Amino acid sequence: MTDALTRRTLAAGLLFLSGGAAEPAPHRVVSIGSCLDPILLALADPGQIAALSHFARDPLTSTVTEQARRFAVTHEGAEEVVALDPDLILASKRSGLYARTALKARGLRVEEFDMPNTVEASLQQVRKIAALVGRPDRGEALILRMETALAAVAPKPGEPRLRALVYQSGGLAAGPATLLGEMLERCGFENGAARYGLRKWGSVSLERVLADPPQVLLAGARAEGAPTWADRVIDHPALESLRPRTFRAGFPQKLIYCGGPVLIETAKVLAKARRRAEAWARQRSLRD
């Protein structure tokens, strides 16, 4: 019996034991969480989606900008959400506390979600949202796609790992106790952030990177327009001095936090970076 079939059988068994039918699927779902937008789009019928968060249309932070153009968006204000007459609101616990409180005070159904810190937590989040929108089979199908994508990029046992650092605007880096940290390991890298004392998300100074450079620098790209002070870290000329001993690859900001279907794209980007970095390492070893 496959894992997917096992999950469906267990879900059916739980429904039978509960002695009742599933709740009717909601007709007007609003997302007020940037990482919930791609999950909702992947699972719900288009006609069920009343609105997404405004972040869904931001190409710097969203992987679903093209899809999002078909839907209304909100800036997570309570009044504008109420005006949409939703029967289900998906909300991130990391933002919009006032809006969430006001919406719940009006008696609206608000389902709140943490940011997943592990792949397993992300899979469970997909499963929960699929159940909430009345599409559990789509949830299991998406989970299978995510697991398949991760299995395809997993390193072989004993395969050497290059030490990589995800380095974003302002020196932001992902430690091992983060979803992206786990993705690095699953995609065949050693997470170099641990050498700078990071467990979760934190900043690593340019000086520390220069003093103890990673083998692979997965650097973000700054936003269009004039660079901010935060952008100056990843654009700093001193990083160019690392090129003889450090391979640099781009890593989009829109992939750094979110789980769900975003992990499929994250796995592809990391796998491509690993292949290029390994080729670079082989060439460097031949030159040396």
Protein backbone atom coordinates (compact mmCIF):
# COMPACT_ATOMS: atom_id res chain seq x y z
CA MET A 1 0.00 0.00 0.00
CA THR A 2 1.44 3.36 -1.00
CA ASP A 3 1.90 6.18 1.49
CA ALA A 4 -0.73 8.26 -0.31
CA LEU A 5 -3.24 5.39 -0.23
CA THR A 6 -2.48 4.81 3.44
CA ARG A 7 -3.19 8.46 4.21
CA ARG A 8 -6.51 8.38 2.33
CA THR A 9 -7.53 5.17 4.09
CA LEU A 10 -6.72 6.63 7.49
CA ALA A 11 -8.63 9.81 6.68
CA ALA A 12 -11.67 7.81 5.64
CA GLY A 13 -11.40 5.72 8.81
CA LEU A 14 -11.29 8.80 11.00
CA LEU A 15 -14.36 10.20 9.25
CA PHE A 16 -16.23 6.91 9.81
CA LEU A 17 -15.26 6.78 13.49
CA SER A 18 -16.38 10.37 13.98
CA GLY A 19 -19.88 9.28 12.98
CA GLY A 20 -20.61 12.20 10.69
CA ALA A 21 -20.08 13.66 7.28
CA ALA A 22 -17.54 16.32 6.51
CA GLU A 23 -18.58 19.95 6.84
CA PRO A 24 -19.76 21.64 3.63
CA ALA A 25 -16.91 23.23 1.70
CA PRO A 26 -16.67 27.01 2.22
CA HIS A 27 -17.75 29.22 -0.67
CA ARG A 28 -15.83 32.44 0.08
CA VAL A 29 -12.29 31.93 1.41
CA VAL A 30 -9.97 34.85 2.14
CA SER A 31 -6.24 34.44 2.77
CA ILE A 32 -4.46 37.06 4.87
CA GLY A 33 -1.14 35.25 5.00
CA SER A 34 1.49 35.50 2.28
CA CYS A 35 2.60 31.87 2.71
CA LEU A 36 -1.01 30.68 2.77
CA ASP A 37 -1.77 32.20 -0.65
CA PRO A 38 0.06 29.56 -2.75
CA ILE A 39 -1.42 26.71 -0.71
CA LEU A 40 -4.95 28.04 -1.12
CA LEU A 41 -4.43 28.53 -4.86
CA ALA A 42 -3.15 24.96 -5.20
CA LEU A 43 -6.05 23.39 -3.31
CA ALA A 44 -9.26 25.40 -3.65
CA ASP A 45 -11.53 25.83 -6.64
CA PRO A 46 -11.06 29.32 -8.15
CA GLY A 47 -14.70 30.10 -7.35
CA GLN A 48 -14.04 29.47 -3.66
CA ILE A 49 -11.35 32.15 -3.38
CA ALA A 50 -12.77 35.56 -2.44
CA ALA A 51 -9.36 37.23 -1.99
CA LEU A 52 -5.66 36.70 -1.39
CA SER A 53 -3.19 38.81 0.55
CA HIS A 54 -1.65 41.72 -1.39
CA PHE A 55 1.73 39.99 -1.07
CA ALA A 56 0.53 37.43 -3.62
CA ARG A 57 1.10 39.99 -6.40
CA ASP A 58 4.59 41.04 -5.25
CA PRO A 59 7.17 39.39 -7.57
CA LEU A 60 9.91 39.80 -4.95
CA THR A 61 8.11 37.76 -2.31
CA SER A 62 5.54 35.64 -4.15
CA THR A 63 5.75 32.57 -6.37
CA VAL A 64 2.14 32.97 -7.57
CA THR A 65 2.04 36.47 -9.04
CA GLU A 66 0.54 35.36 -12.36
CA GLN A 67 -2.24 33.34 -10.71
CA ALA A 68 -2.91 36.08 -8.18
CA ARG A 69 -3.87 38.58 -10.89
CA ARG A 70 -7.14 36.71 -11.34
CA PHE A 71 -8.24 37.37 -7.76
CA ALA A 72 -9.02 40.28 -5.49
CA VAL A 73 -6.44 41.10 -2.83
CA THR A 74 -6.63 42.79 0.54
CA HIS A 75 -4.11 44.58 2.72
CA GLU A 76 -5.34 42.46 5.65
CA GLY A 77 -7.52 45.22 7.06
CA ALA A 78 -10.46 43.90 9.05
CA GLU A 79 -13.04 46.13 7.36
CA GLU A 80 -12.03 45.21 3.83
CA VAL A 81 -12.04 41.51 4.73
CA VAL A 82 -15.51 41.79 6.32
CA ALA A 83 -16.80 43.50 3.15
CA LEU A 84 -15.93 40.35 1.20
CA ASP A 85 -18.43 38.35 3.29
CA PRO A 86 -16.07 35.38 3.82
CA ASP A 87 -17.13 32.10 5.39
CA LEU A 88 -13.49 31.12 6.05
CA ILE A 89 -10.40 33.24 6.67
CA LEU A 90 -6.91 31.72 6.57
CA ALA A 91 -4.53 33.85 8.63
CA SER A 92 -0.87 33.82 9.58
CA LYS A 93 -0.09 34.11 13.29
CA ARG A 94 2.93 36.26 12.41
CA SER A 95 1.03 39.27 11.14
CA GLY A 96 -2.22 41.19 11.40
CA LEU A 97 -2.94 40.65 15.10
CA TYR A 98 -5.41 43.56 15.20
CA ALA A 99 -7.23 42.30 12.10
CA ARG A 100 -7.42 38.73 13.38
CA THR A 101 -8.77 39.89 16.72
CA ALA A 102 -11.36 42.14 15.08
CA LEU A 103 -12.49 39.46 12.65
CA LYS A 104 -12.94 36.88 15.39
CA ALA A 105 -14.83 39.44 17.50
CA ARG A 106 -17.33 39.75 14.62
CA GLY A 107 -17.95 36.02 14.78
CA LEU A 108 -16.15 35.17 11.55
CA ARG A 109 -14.34 31.87 11.18
CA VAL A 110 -10.60 32.55 11.35
CA GLU A 111 -8.16 29.64 11.09
CA GLU A 112 -4.67 30.66 12.20
CA PHE A 113 -1.39 29.08 11.12
CA ASP A 114 2.19 29.20 12.37
CA MET A 115 5.11 29.41 9.98
CA PRO A 116 6.23 25.76 9.57
CA ASN A 117 9.80 25.11 10.72
CA THR A 118 10.05 21.61 9.24
CA VAL A 119 9.03 19.84 6.06
CA GLU A 120 6.72 17.57 8.05
CA ALA A 121 4.98 20.59 9.60
CA SER A 122 4.50 22.01 6.12
CA LEU A 123 2.94 18.75 4.91
CA GLN A 124 0.56 18.77 7.86
CA GLN A 125 -0.36 22.39 7.12
CA VAL A 126 -1.25 21.45 3.55
CA ARG A 127 -3.39 18.59 4.84
CA LYS A 128 -5.25 20.86 7.27
CA ILE A 129 -5.95 23.56 4.69
CA ALA A 130 -7.12 20.94 2.19
CA ALA A 131 -9.61 19.67 4.77
CA LEU A 132 -10.77 23.20 5.59
CA VAL A 133 -11.56 24.02 1.96
CA GLY A 134 -13.19 20.63 1.41
CA ARG A 135 -10.53 19.26 -0.94
CA PRO A 136 -8.68 16.53 1.02
CA ASP A 137 -7.80 14.53 -2.12
CA ARG A 138 -6.07 17.56 -3.61
CA GLY A 139 -4.15 17.93 -0.38
CA GLU A 140 -2.87 14.37 -0.58
CA ALA A 141 -1.97 14.85 -4.25
CA LEU A 142 0.01 18.00 -3.42
CA ILE A 143 1.76 16.24 -0.53
CA LEU A 144 2.75 13.43 -2.91
CA ARG A 145 4.16 15.99 -5.37
CA MET A 146 6.15 17.63 -2.58
CA GLU A 147 7.53 14.31 -1.32
CA THR A 148 8.39 13.23 -4.86
CA ALA A 149 10.23 16.51 -5.53
CA LEU A 150 12.27 16.10 -2.35
CA ALA A 151 13.07 12.47 -3.08
CA ALA A 152 14.31 13.43 -6.56
CA VAL A 153 16.94 15.82 -5.19
CA ALA A 154 18.10 13.82 -2.17
CA PRO A 155 21.84 13.09 -2.17
CA LYS A 156 23.08 9.54 -2.36
CA PRO A 157 24.32 7.99 0.91
CA GLY A 158 27.91 9.00 1.59
CA GLU A 159 27.89 11.68 -1.10
CA PRO A 160 30.08 14.64 -0.04
CA ARG A 161 28.26 17.85 0.87
CA LEU A 162 29.38 21.39 0.13
CA ARG A 163 28.97 23.91 2.94
CA ALA A 164 26.41 26.51 1.86
CA LEU A 165 25.10 29.73 3.34
CA VAL A 166 21.79 31.30 2.37
CA TYR A 167 22.67 35.00 2.51
CA GLN A 168 19.94 37.53 1.95
CA SER A 169 19.50 41.30 2.13
CA GLY A 170 20.80 42.70 5.42
CA GLY A 171 22.93 39.61 6.02
CA LEU A 172 19.87 37.46 6.85
CA ALA A 173 20.72 33.76 7.00
CA ALA A 174 18.80 30.55 7.69
CA GLY A 175 20.01 28.37 10.56
CA PRO A 176 19.55 24.60 10.77
CA ALA A 177 16.36 24.84 12.90
CA THR A 178 14.37 26.44 10.07
CA LEU A 179 12.38 25.07 7.17
CA LEU A 180 14.97 26.37 4.70
CA GLY A 181 17.75 24.91 6.85
CA GLU A 182 16.14 21.49 6.53
CA MET A 183 15.71 22.01 2.79
CA LEU A 184 19.44 22.69 2.45
CA GLU A 185 20.22 19.39 4.15
CA ARG A 186 17.63 17.46 2.14
CA CYS A 187 19.02 18.89 -1.09
CA GLY A 188 22.58 17.77 -0.36
CA PHE A 189 24.20 20.78 1.30
CA GLU A 190 25.74 21.26 4.72
CA ASN A 191 24.20 24.36 6.31
CA GLY A 192 27.08 26.75 6.92
CA ALA A 193 25.02 29.06 9.16
CA ALA A 194 25.77 26.80 12.13
CA ARG A 195 29.42 27.91 11.97
CA TYR A 196 28.29 31.45 12.75
CA GLY A 197 26.26 30.33 15.76
CA LEU A 198 22.83 30.46 14.14
CA ARG A 199 20.06 27.99 14.94
CA LYS A 200 17.11 29.82 13.45
CA TRP A 201 16.95 33.01 11.40
CA GLY A 202 19.50 35.71 12.14
CA SER A 203 22.01 38.10 10.65
CA VAL A 204 25.60 37.22 9.81
CA SER A 205 27.95 40.16 9.41
CA LEU A 206 29.91 40.61 6.22
CA GLU A 207 33.12 40.48 8.27
CA ARG A 208 32.29 37.00 9.58
CA VAL A 209 31.51 35.71 6.10
CA LEU A 210 34.80 37.09 4.80
CA ALA A 211 36.75 35.60 7.69
CA ASP A 212 35.20 32.13 7.34
CA PRO A 213 33.60 31.90 3.89
CA PRO A 214 31.26 29.08 2.86
CA GLN A 215 32.00 26.93 -0.16
CA VAL A 216 28.67 28.00 -1.67
CA LEU A 217 27.03 31.39 -1.18
CA LEU A 218 23.32 31.32 -2.02
CA ALA A 219 22.82 35.05 -2.27
CA GLY A 220 19.62 36.97 -2.70
CA ALA A 221 19.06 39.67 -5.29
CA ARG A 222 18.15 43.19 -4.29
CA ALA A 223 14.88 44.78 -5.31
CA GLU A 224 14.71 46.96 -8.42
CA GLY A 225 15.60 50.61 -8.00
CA ALA A 226 18.11 52.27 -5.74
CA PRO A 227 19.72 49.83 -3.29
CA THR A 228 18.76 50.09 0.37
CA TRP A 229 21.28 49.88 3.19
CA ALA A 230 20.22 46.25 3.67
CA ASP A 231 20.93 45.51 -0.01
CA ARG A 232 24.45 46.84 0.28
CA VAL A 233 25.52 43.72 2.17
CA ILE A 234 24.82 41.29 -0.68
CA ASP A 235 26.08 43.81 -3.26
CA HIS A 236 29.29 44.57 -1.35
CA PRO A 237 32.42 44.40 -3.52
CA ALA A 238 34.25 42.48 -0.78
CA LEU A 239 32.12 39.44 -1.55
CA GLU A 240 33.70 39.35 -5.00
CA SER A 241 37.04 38.60 -3.34
CA LEU A 242 35.62 35.24 -2.25
CA ARG A 243 35.05 33.97 -5.78
CA PRO A 244 38.29 31.95 -6.09
CA ARG A 245 37.22 29.81 -3.12
CA THR A 246 33.45 30.33 -2.94
CA PHE A 247 30.85 29.53 -5.59
CA ARG A 248 28.04 32.07 -5.72
CA ALA A 249 24.54 31.24 -6.93
CA GLY A 250 21.34 33.25 -6.83
CA PHE A 251 18.61 32.30 -4.40
CA PRO A 252 15.35 34.28 -4.69
CA GLN A 253 13.90 35.94 -1.62
CA LYS A 254 10.46 34.54 -2.49
CA LEU A 255 11.70 31.05 -1.59
CA ILE A 256 13.16 31.72 1.84
CA TYR A 257 10.17 31.33 4.16
CA CYS A 258 7.18 29.53 2.68
CA GLY A 259 6.30 25.86 2.61
CA GLY A 260 3.57 24.06 0.71
CA PRO A 261 3.97 24.01 -3.08
CA VAL A 262 6.77 26.59 -2.77
CA LEU A 263 9.01 23.76 -1.52
CA ILE A 264 8.80 22.10 -4.94
CA GLU A 265 10.38 25.16 -6.55
CA THR A 266 12.83 25.53 -3.67
CA ALA A 267 14.01 21.95 -4.18
CA LYS A 268 14.58 22.56 -7.90
CA VAL A 269 16.53 25.78 -7.31
CA LEU A 270 18.71 24.19 -4.62
CA ALA A 271 19.34 21.07 -6.70
CA LYS A 272 20.43 23.17 -9.67
CA ALA A 273 22.73 25.22 -7.43
CA ARG A 274 24.24 22.03 -6.02
CA ARG A 275 24.95 20.60 -9.49
CA ARG A 276 26.62 23.82 -10.60
CA ALA A 277 28.60 24.09 -7.36
CA GLU A 278 29.78 20.49 -7.62
CA ALA A 279 30.97 21.08 -11.20
CA TRP A 280 32.79 24.22 -10.01
CA ALA A 281 34.41 22.25 -7.15
CA ARG A 282 35.61 19.54 -9.58
CA GLN A 283 37.13 22.12 -11.92
CA ARG A 284 38.80 23.89 -9.02
CA SER A 285 40.25 20.62 -7.77
CA LEU A 286 41.69 19.89 -11.24
CA ARG A 287 43.28 23.36 -11.36
CA ASP A 288 44.79 22.92 -7.92
